[in-house]
């Protein structure tokens, strides 16, 4: 069921991290991403998803009620645990307006190239586990600005279909 157009003052951005219940294969990630993109398209949700060392970092943008309901579903999904909300705030406009879900499988080396995250890597926790909101904002900005794109990596970008 499609929703009515979203008024800008109804928009929120929510980001969270979680740990997958197992290290996911490329095929599993592709299937998860395809399902998320289809669902997000119908719900008018945009955002991004990063995966590293069995951990997820996700940003969701959309109408508050829709985002809250989706996060509740995500928090109870048995495919991951340690779901931790990092940021939930109203936004004036979407940062990922033409992405139903931008995706990137990242490595520690990728993160090391993002200003301000080098010290985050100097710890024993896997992936994004233990991240706080300021680090989350740094990651979101790096992805939004395209600082992940290099000659040796592939950016998975999916255009939002209205």
N, C-alpha and C. Protein backbone atom coordinates (compact mmCIF):
# COMPACT_ATOMS: atom_id res chain seq x y z
N UNK A 1 0.84 -1.18 0.00
CA UNK A 1 0.00 0.00 0.00
C UNK A 1 0.88 1.23 0.00
N UNK A 2 0.69 2.14 -0.94
CA UNK A 2 1.47 3.36 -1.00
C UNK A 2 0.89 4.39 -0.04
N UNK A 3 1.78 5.20 0.52
CA UNK A 3 1.39 6.25 1.45
C UNK A 3 1.28 7.56 0.70
N UNK A 4 0.54 8.51 1.32
CA UNK A 4 0.43 9.85 0.75
C UNK A 4 1.81 10.51 0.77
N UNK A 5 2.01 11.52 -0.08
CA UNK A 5 3.30 12.22 -0.07
C UNK A 5 3.63 12.73 1.33
N UNK A 6 4.90 12.69 1.67
CA UNK A 6 5.35 13.07 3.00
C UNK A 6 5.64 14.56 3.03
N UNK A 7 5.12 15.22 4.04
CA UNK A 7 5.44 16.63 4.25
C UNK A 7 6.83 16.69 4.88
N UNK A 8 7.62 17.69 4.50
CA UNK A 8 8.99 17.78 4.99
C UNK A 8 9.08 17.81 6.51
N UNK A 9 8.12 18.45 7.21
CA UNK A 9 8.21 18.53 8.66
C UNK A 9 7.88 17.21 9.35
N UNK A 10 7.43 16.20 8.61
CA UNK A 10 7.16 14.87 9.16
C UNK A 10 8.38 13.97 9.07
N UNK A 11 9.46 14.43 8.43
CA UNK A 11 10.61 13.59 8.17
C UNK A 11 11.51 13.42 9.38
N UNK A 12 12.01 12.19 9.55
CA UNK A 12 13.02 11.91 10.56
C UNK A 12 14.12 11.08 9.93
N UNK A 13 15.28 11.14 10.57
CA UNK A 13 16.39 10.27 10.21
C UNK A 13 16.72 9.45 11.45
N UNK A 14 16.84 8.15 11.24
CA UNK A 14 17.19 7.25 12.33
C UNK A 14 18.38 6.42 11.89
N UNK A 15 19.37 6.28 12.76
CA UNK A 15 20.48 5.38 12.45
C UNK A 15 20.66 4.42 13.62
N UNK A 16 21.12 3.22 13.29
CA UNK A 16 21.36 2.21 14.31
C UNK A 16 22.48 1.28 13.87
N UNK A 17 23.01 0.54 14.81
CA UNK A 17 23.95 -0.53 14.53
C UNK A 17 23.38 -1.82 15.08
N UNK A 18 23.86 -2.94 14.53
CA UNK A 18 23.49 -4.26 15.05
C UNK A 18 24.55 -5.26 14.63
N UNK A 19 24.48 -6.44 15.25
CA UNK A 19 25.40 -7.53 14.94
C UNK A 19 24.60 -8.67 14.34
N UNK A 20 24.99 -9.10 13.15
CA UNK A 20 24.30 -10.21 12.48
C UNK A 20 24.48 -11.50 13.29
N UNK A 21 23.52 -12.41 13.19
CA UNK A 21 23.62 -13.66 13.94
C UNK A 21 24.68 -14.60 13.36
N UNK A 22 25.19 -14.27 12.15
CA UNK A 22 26.29 -15.01 11.53
C UNK A 22 26.94 -14.12 10.48
N UNK A 23 28.17 -14.45 10.09
CA UNK A 23 28.81 -13.71 9.01
C UNK A 23 28.03 -14.00 7.73
N UNK A 24 27.56 -12.98 7.09
CA UNK A 24 26.70 -13.15 5.92
C UNK A 24 27.52 -13.26 4.65
N UNK A 25 27.07 -14.14 3.77
CA UNK A 25 27.71 -14.30 2.47
C UNK A 25 27.28 -13.15 1.56
N UNK A 26 28.00 -12.98 0.47
CA UNK A 26 27.63 -11.95 -0.52
C UNK A 26 26.22 -12.19 -1.02
N UNK A 27 25.87 -13.43 -1.27
CA UNK A 27 24.53 -13.76 -1.77
C UNK A 27 23.45 -13.39 -0.75
N UNK A 28 23.69 -13.67 0.52
CA UNK A 28 22.73 -13.31 1.56
C UNK A 28 22.56 -11.79 1.64
N UNK A 29 23.67 -11.07 1.54
CA UNK A 29 23.60 -9.61 1.58
C UNK A 29 22.84 -9.04 0.39
N UNK A 30 23.06 -9.61 -0.79
CA UNK A 30 22.35 -9.17 -1.99
C UNK A 30 20.85 -9.41 -1.83
N UNK A 31 20.47 -10.56 -1.30
CA UNK A 31 19.05 -10.87 -1.09
C UNK A 31 18.43 -9.94 -0.05
N UNK A 32 19.15 -9.68 1.04
CA UNK A 32 18.67 -8.78 2.08
C UNK A 32 18.47 -7.37 1.51
N UNK A 33 19.44 -6.93 0.74
CA UNK A 33 19.38 -5.59 0.14
C UNK A 33 18.22 -5.48 -0.85
N UNK A 34 18.02 -6.49 -1.67
CA UNK A 34 16.91 -6.46 -2.65
C UNK A 34 15.57 -6.36 -1.93
N UNK A 35 15.40 -7.12 -0.85
CA UNK A 35 14.16 -7.09 -0.10
C UNK A 35 13.97 -5.73 0.57
N UNK A 36 15.05 -5.19 1.15
CA UNK A 36 14.96 -3.88 1.81
C UNK A 36 14.61 -2.78 0.81
N UNK A 37 15.24 -2.83 -0.35
CA UNK A 37 14.96 -1.81 -1.37
C UNK A 37 13.51 -1.84 -1.81
N UNK A 38 12.97 -3.01 -2.03
CA UNK A 38 11.58 -3.13 -2.45
C UNK A 38 10.64 -2.62 -1.35
N UNK A 39 10.86 -3.06 -0.11
CA UNK A 39 10.03 -2.59 1.00
C UNK A 39 10.14 -1.08 1.19
N UNK A 40 11.35 -0.56 1.12
CA UNK A 40 11.57 0.87 1.32
C UNK A 40 10.90 1.70 0.23
N UNK A 41 10.94 1.18 -0.98
CA UNK A 41 10.28 1.90 -2.09
C UNK A 41 8.80 2.07 -1.80
N UNK A 42 8.15 1.02 -1.33
CA UNK A 42 6.71 1.09 -1.03
C UNK A 42 6.40 1.98 0.17
N UNK A 43 7.33 2.05 1.11
CA UNK A 43 7.11 2.84 2.32
C UNK A 43 7.67 4.26 2.22
N UNK A 44 8.24 4.61 1.06
CA UNK A 44 8.86 5.92 0.84
C UNK A 44 9.98 6.18 1.85
N UNK A 45 10.79 5.15 2.07
CA UNK A 45 11.95 5.24 2.96
C UNK A 45 13.20 5.29 2.10
N UNK A 46 14.11 6.17 2.47
CA UNK A 46 15.41 6.24 1.82
C UNK A 46 16.47 6.01 2.89
N UNK A 47 17.71 5.79 2.45
CA UNK A 47 18.75 5.61 3.45
C UNK A 47 19.97 4.92 2.90
N UNK A 48 20.74 4.35 3.82
CA UNK A 48 21.97 3.66 3.47
C UNK A 48 22.21 2.51 4.43
N UNK A 49 22.98 1.53 3.97
CA UNK A 49 23.31 0.36 4.77
C UNK A 49 24.79 0.04 4.56
N UNK A 50 25.52 -0.09 5.67
CA UNK A 50 26.91 -0.52 5.62
C UNK A 50 27.02 -1.85 6.36
N UNK A 51 27.91 -2.72 5.89
CA UNK A 51 28.15 -4.02 6.53
C UNK A 51 29.66 -4.20 6.68
N UNK A 52 30.08 -4.53 7.90
CA UNK A 52 31.50 -4.77 8.15
C UNK A 52 31.64 -5.76 9.29
N UNK A 53 32.44 -6.81 9.05
CA UNK A 53 32.78 -7.78 10.08
C UNK A 53 31.57 -8.32 10.82
N UNK A 54 30.50 -8.59 10.08
CA UNK A 54 29.30 -9.15 10.69
C UNK A 54 28.41 -8.14 11.38
N UNK A 55 28.69 -6.85 11.19
CA UNK A 55 27.90 -5.79 11.82
C UNK A 55 27.26 -4.89 10.77
N UNK A 56 26.10 -4.36 11.12
CA UNK A 56 25.39 -3.44 10.24
C UNK A 56 25.39 -2.04 10.84
N UNK A 57 25.42 -1.06 9.95
CA UNK A 57 25.17 0.34 10.29
C UNK A 57 24.14 0.79 9.27
N UNK A 58 22.99 1.25 9.74
CA UNK A 58 21.95 1.64 8.80
C UNK A 58 21.39 3.00 9.15
N UNK A 59 21.03 3.74 8.10
CA UNK A 59 20.35 5.03 8.21
C UNK A 59 19.02 4.89 7.47
N UNK A 60 17.95 5.31 8.11
CA UNK A 60 16.62 5.30 7.52
C UNK A 60 16.06 6.71 7.56
N UNK A 61 15.46 7.15 6.46
CA UNK A 61 14.82 8.46 6.38
C UNK A 61 13.39 8.26 5.91
N UNK A 62 12.47 8.94 6.57
CA UNK A 62 11.08 8.85 6.15
C UNK A 62 10.15 9.46 7.17
N UNK A 63 8.87 9.20 6.99
CA UNK A 63 7.85 9.70 7.90
C UNK A 63 8.04 9.06 9.27
N UNK A 64 7.92 9.86 10.32
CA UNK A 64 8.19 9.39 11.69
C UNK A 64 7.45 8.10 12.04
N UNK A 65 6.18 8.04 11.80
CA UNK A 65 5.41 6.85 12.18
C UNK A 65 5.90 5.61 11.43
N UNK A 66 6.24 5.78 10.16
CA UNK A 66 6.72 4.66 9.35
C UNK A 66 8.10 4.21 9.84
N UNK A 67 8.97 5.15 10.10
CA UNK A 67 10.32 4.83 10.58
C UNK A 67 10.25 4.17 11.96
N UNK A 68 9.42 4.69 12.85
CA UNK A 68 9.29 4.09 14.18
C UNK A 68 8.79 2.65 14.10
N UNK A 69 7.79 2.41 13.24
CA UNK A 69 7.26 1.06 13.09
C UNK A 69 8.31 0.12 12.49
N UNK A 70 9.04 0.60 11.50
CA UNK A 70 10.08 -0.23 10.88
C UNK A 70 11.20 -0.53 11.88
N UNK A 71 11.62 0.46 12.65
CA UNK A 71 12.68 0.22 13.63
C UNK A 71 12.23 -0.81 14.67
N UNK A 72 10.99 -0.74 15.08
CA UNK A 72 10.45 -1.72 16.03
C UNK A 72 10.55 -3.14 15.45
N UNK A 73 10.21 -3.28 14.18
CA UNK A 73 10.32 -4.57 13.49
C UNK A 73 11.78 -5.02 13.40
N UNK A 74 12.67 -4.09 13.04
CA UNK A 74 14.10 -4.39 12.93
C UNK A 74 14.65 -4.83 14.27
N UNK A 75 14.28 -4.13 15.34
CA UNK A 75 14.80 -4.43 16.68
C UNK A 75 14.43 -5.84 17.14
N UNK A 76 13.34 -6.39 16.61
CA UNK A 76 12.91 -7.73 17.00
C UNK A 76 13.26 -8.81 15.98
N UNK A 77 13.94 -8.44 14.92
CA UNK A 77 14.34 -9.39 13.88
C UNK A 77 15.41 -10.33 14.43
N UNK A 78 15.18 -11.63 14.34
CA UNK A 78 16.09 -12.63 14.91
C UNK A 78 17.38 -12.81 14.12
N UNK A 79 17.50 -12.17 12.95
CA UNK A 79 18.71 -12.32 12.15
C UNK A 79 19.88 -11.48 12.67
N UNK A 80 19.62 -10.67 13.70
CA UNK A 80 20.69 -9.89 14.30
C UNK A 80 20.35 -9.60 15.76
N UNK A 81 21.35 -9.09 16.49
CA UNK A 81 21.17 -8.78 17.91
C UNK A 81 21.98 -7.52 18.25
N UNK A 82 21.93 -7.10 19.50
CA UNK A 82 22.60 -5.88 19.94
C UNK A 82 22.22 -4.69 19.04
N UNK A 83 20.94 -4.58 18.75
CA UNK A 83 20.44 -3.45 17.96
C UNK A 83 20.49 -2.21 18.85
N UNK A 84 21.23 -1.21 18.40
CA UNK A 84 21.39 0.01 19.20
C UNK A 84 21.09 1.24 18.35
N UNK A 85 20.05 1.97 18.75
CA UNK A 85 19.71 3.22 18.08
C UNK A 85 20.76 4.27 18.43
N UNK A 86 21.31 4.92 17.43
CA UNK A 86 22.34 5.94 17.62
C UNK A 86 21.80 7.35 17.50
N UNK A 87 20.99 7.56 16.48
CA UNK A 87 20.45 8.89 16.20
C UNK A 87 18.99 8.74 15.78
N UNK A 88 18.15 9.59 16.29
CA UNK A 88 16.79 9.75 15.77
C UNK A 88 16.47 11.22 15.91
N UNK A 89 16.30 11.89 14.76
CA UNK A 89 16.08 13.33 14.81
C UNK A 89 15.27 13.77 13.60
N UNK A 90 14.50 14.87 13.79
CA UNK A 90 13.78 15.42 12.64
C UNK A 90 14.77 15.99 11.63
N UNK A 91 14.41 15.92 10.37
CA UNK A 91 15.25 16.47 9.31
C UNK A 91 14.39 17.35 8.42
N UNK A 92 15.02 18.35 7.82
CA UNK A 92 14.32 19.24 6.91
C UNK A 92 14.17 18.63 5.52
N UNK A 93 15.18 17.84 5.14
CA UNK A 93 15.18 17.20 3.83
C UNK A 93 15.99 15.91 3.91
N UNK A 94 15.73 15.02 2.98
CA UNK A 94 16.45 13.75 2.94
C UNK A 94 17.87 13.94 2.43
N UNK A 95 18.79 13.20 3.01
CA UNK A 95 20.17 13.19 2.52
C UNK A 95 20.33 12.19 1.39
N UNK A 96 19.48 11.17 1.36
CA UNK A 96 19.57 10.09 0.38
C UNK A 96 18.27 10.03 -0.43
N UNK A 97 17.83 11.18 -0.89
CA UNK A 97 16.52 11.32 -1.53
C UNK A 97 16.30 10.38 -2.70
N UNK A 98 17.34 10.11 -3.50
CA UNK A 98 17.14 9.25 -4.67
C UNK A 98 17.62 7.83 -4.43
N UNK A 99 17.85 7.45 -3.17
CA UNK A 99 18.29 6.09 -2.85
C UNK A 99 17.23 5.42 -2.00
N UNK A 100 16.66 4.32 -2.47
CA UNK A 100 15.79 3.56 -1.57
C UNK A 100 16.65 2.87 -0.54
N UNK A 101 17.91 2.56 -0.90
CA UNK A 101 18.88 2.06 0.07
C UNK A 101 20.25 2.00 -0.58
N UNK A 102 21.10 2.97 -0.25
CA UNK A 102 22.49 2.90 -0.69
C UNK A 102 23.18 1.82 0.11
N UNK A 103 24.11 1.10 -0.48
CA UNK A 103 24.75 -0.02 0.20
C UNK A 103 26.25 -0.02 -0.04
N UNK A 104 26.98 -0.45 0.98
CA UNK A 104 28.42 -0.63 0.85
C UNK A 104 28.89 -1.66 1.86
N UNK A 105 29.64 -2.63 1.40
CA UNK A 105 30.33 -3.58 2.27
C UNK A 105 31.70 -2.96 2.52
N UNK A 106 31.97 -2.54 3.75
CA UNK A 106 33.19 -1.80 4.04
C UNK A 106 34.18 -2.65 4.84
N UNK A 107 35.42 -2.20 4.83
CA UNK A 107 36.48 -2.84 5.60
C UNK A 107 37.05 -1.81 6.57
N UNK A 108 37.88 -2.27 7.47
CA UNK A 108 38.55 -1.35 8.39
C UNK A 108 39.42 -0.36 7.62
N UNK A 109 40.00 -0.83 6.52
CA UNK A 109 40.83 0.06 5.70
C UNK A 109 39.99 1.18 5.10
N UNK A 110 38.76 0.84 4.66
CA UNK A 110 37.86 1.88 4.14
C UNK A 110 37.59 2.93 5.22
N UNK A 111 37.29 2.47 6.43
CA UNK A 111 36.98 3.39 7.52
C UNK A 111 38.18 4.25 7.90
N UNK A 112 39.37 3.69 7.78
CA UNK A 112 40.58 4.44 8.14
C UNK A 112 40.75 5.68 7.28
N UNK A 113 40.18 5.66 6.08
CA UNK A 113 40.30 6.80 5.17
C UNK A 113 39.27 7.90 5.47
N UNK A 114 38.36 7.64 6.40
CA UNK A 114 37.34 8.63 6.76
C UNK A 114 37.86 9.42 7.96
N UNK A 115 38.02 10.69 7.80
CA UNK A 115 38.56 11.55 8.85
C UNK A 115 37.81 11.36 10.16
N UNK A 116 38.57 11.19 11.23
CA UNK A 116 37.98 11.09 12.56
C UNK A 116 37.62 9.70 13.00
N UNK A 117 37.78 8.69 12.16
CA UNK A 117 37.38 7.33 12.55
C UNK A 117 38.57 6.41 12.82
N UNK A 118 39.78 6.86 12.65
CA UNK A 118 40.94 5.99 12.84
C UNK A 118 40.98 5.44 14.26
N UNK A 119 40.76 6.29 15.26
CA UNK A 119 40.80 5.81 16.64
C UNK A 119 39.67 4.84 16.95
N UNK A 120 38.57 4.93 16.22
CA UNK A 120 37.46 3.99 16.41
C UNK A 120 37.89 2.57 16.07
N UNK A 121 38.85 2.44 15.16
CA UNK A 121 39.32 1.13 14.73
C UNK A 121 40.29 0.50 15.73
N UNK A 122 40.88 1.29 16.59
CA UNK A 122 41.86 0.80 17.56
C UNK A 122 41.16 0.23 18.79
N UNK A 123 40.41 -0.83 18.59
CA UNK A 123 39.67 -1.47 19.68
C UNK A 123 39.39 -2.90 19.28
N UNK A 124 38.93 -3.68 20.24
CA UNK A 124 38.73 -5.11 19.99
C UNK A 124 37.31 -5.47 19.56
N UNK A 125 36.40 -4.52 19.52
CA UNK A 125 35.03 -4.82 19.15
C UNK A 125 34.90 -4.99 17.64
N UNK A 126 34.00 -5.87 17.20
CA UNK A 126 33.82 -6.06 15.75
C UNK A 126 33.05 -4.92 15.13
N UNK A 127 33.34 -4.68 13.87
CA UNK A 127 32.56 -3.76 13.04
C UNK A 127 32.17 -2.47 13.69
N UNK A 128 30.87 -2.19 13.67
CA UNK A 128 30.31 -0.93 14.16
C UNK A 128 29.87 -1.02 15.61
N UNK A 129 30.03 -2.18 16.25
CA UNK A 129 29.59 -2.37 17.62
C UNK A 129 30.30 -1.36 18.53
N UNK A 130 29.54 -0.69 19.36
CA UNK A 130 30.10 0.28 20.28
C UNK A 130 30.20 1.69 19.72
N UNK A 131 29.70 1.90 18.52
CA UNK A 131 29.74 3.23 17.91
C UNK A 131 28.79 4.17 18.66
N UNK A 132 29.11 5.46 18.70
CA UNK A 132 28.22 6.44 19.29
C UNK A 132 27.76 7.43 18.23
N UNK A 133 26.87 8.33 18.60
CA UNK A 133 26.20 9.19 17.62
C UNK A 133 27.14 10.10 16.84
N UNK A 134 28.19 10.63 17.46
CA UNK A 134 29.10 11.51 16.72
C UNK A 134 29.83 10.74 15.62
N UNK A 135 30.25 9.51 15.91
CA UNK A 135 30.89 8.67 14.90
C UNK A 135 29.88 8.34 13.79
N UNK A 136 28.64 8.11 14.19
CA UNK A 136 27.60 7.82 13.21
C UNK A 136 27.43 8.99 12.25
N UNK A 137 27.43 10.20 12.76
CA UNK A 137 27.29 11.38 11.91
C UNK A 137 28.46 11.50 10.94
N UNK A 138 29.68 11.17 11.40
CA UNK A 138 30.85 11.20 10.53
C UNK A 138 30.68 10.20 9.39
N UNK A 139 30.22 9.00 9.71
CA UNK A 139 30.00 7.97 8.68
C UNK A 139 28.94 8.40 7.69
N UNK A 140 27.83 8.93 8.18
CA UNK A 140 26.73 9.38 7.31
C UNK A 140 27.24 10.46 6.35
N UNK A 141 27.96 11.41 6.88
CA UNK A 141 28.48 12.49 6.03
C UNK A 141 29.45 11.96 4.99
N UNK A 142 30.31 11.03 5.36
CA UNK A 142 31.27 10.47 4.40
C UNK A 142 30.54 9.75 3.27
N UNK A 143 29.53 9.00 3.59
CA UNK A 143 28.77 8.27 2.58
C UNK A 143 28.01 9.24 1.69
N UNK A 144 27.38 10.24 2.30
CA UNK A 144 26.62 11.25 1.56
C UNK A 144 27.51 12.01 0.58
N UNK A 145 28.74 12.30 1.00
CA UNK A 145 29.66 13.07 0.17
C UNK A 145 30.43 12.21 -0.83
N UNK A 146 30.22 10.90 -0.81
CA UNK A 146 30.86 10.03 -1.78
C UNK A 146 32.31 9.72 -1.49
N UNK A 147 32.75 9.92 -0.24
CA UNK A 147 34.15 9.68 0.08
C UNK A 147 34.49 8.19 0.11
N UNK A 148 33.50 7.30 -0.04
CA UNK A 148 33.76 5.86 -0.08
C UNK A 148 34.21 5.42 -1.46
N UNK A 149 33.88 6.18 -2.47
CA UNK A 149 34.16 5.75 -3.83
C UNK A 149 35.65 5.81 -4.13
N UNK A 150 36.18 4.69 -4.58
CA UNK A 150 37.58 4.61 -5.01
C UNK A 150 37.64 3.81 -6.29
N UNK A 151 38.79 3.79 -6.92
CA UNK A 151 38.95 3.00 -8.14
C UNK A 151 38.79 1.50 -7.88
N UNK A 152 39.16 1.04 -6.69
CA UNK A 152 39.21 -0.39 -6.41
C UNK A 152 37.97 -0.94 -5.74
N UNK A 153 37.00 -0.11 -5.45
CA UNK A 153 35.79 -0.60 -4.80
C UNK A 153 34.58 -0.24 -5.63
N UNK A 154 33.51 -0.96 -5.39
CA UNK A 154 32.30 -0.74 -6.16
C UNK A 154 31.23 -0.16 -5.26
N UNK A 155 30.60 0.90 -5.67
CA UNK A 155 29.53 1.53 -4.93
C UNK A 155 28.20 0.98 -5.45
N UNK A 156 27.41 0.46 -4.56
CA UNK A 156 26.11 -0.06 -4.95
C UNK A 156 25.08 1.03 -4.70
N UNK A 157 24.62 1.64 -5.77
CA UNK A 157 23.66 2.73 -5.68
C UNK A 157 22.41 2.31 -6.42
N UNK A 158 21.30 2.55 -5.82
CA UNK A 158 20.02 2.14 -6.38
C UNK A 158 19.12 3.35 -6.43
N UNK A 159 18.64 3.69 -7.57
CA UNK A 159 17.77 4.85 -7.72
C UNK A 159 16.39 4.54 -7.15
N UNK A 160 15.89 5.48 -6.39
CA UNK A 160 14.53 5.38 -5.85
C UNK A 160 13.53 5.56 -6.98
N UNK A 161 12.58 4.67 -7.08
CA UNK A 161 11.56 4.76 -8.12
C UNK A 161 10.30 5.29 -7.48
N UNK A 162 9.84 6.44 -7.93
CA UNK A 162 8.64 7.06 -7.35
C UNK A 162 7.39 6.41 -7.87
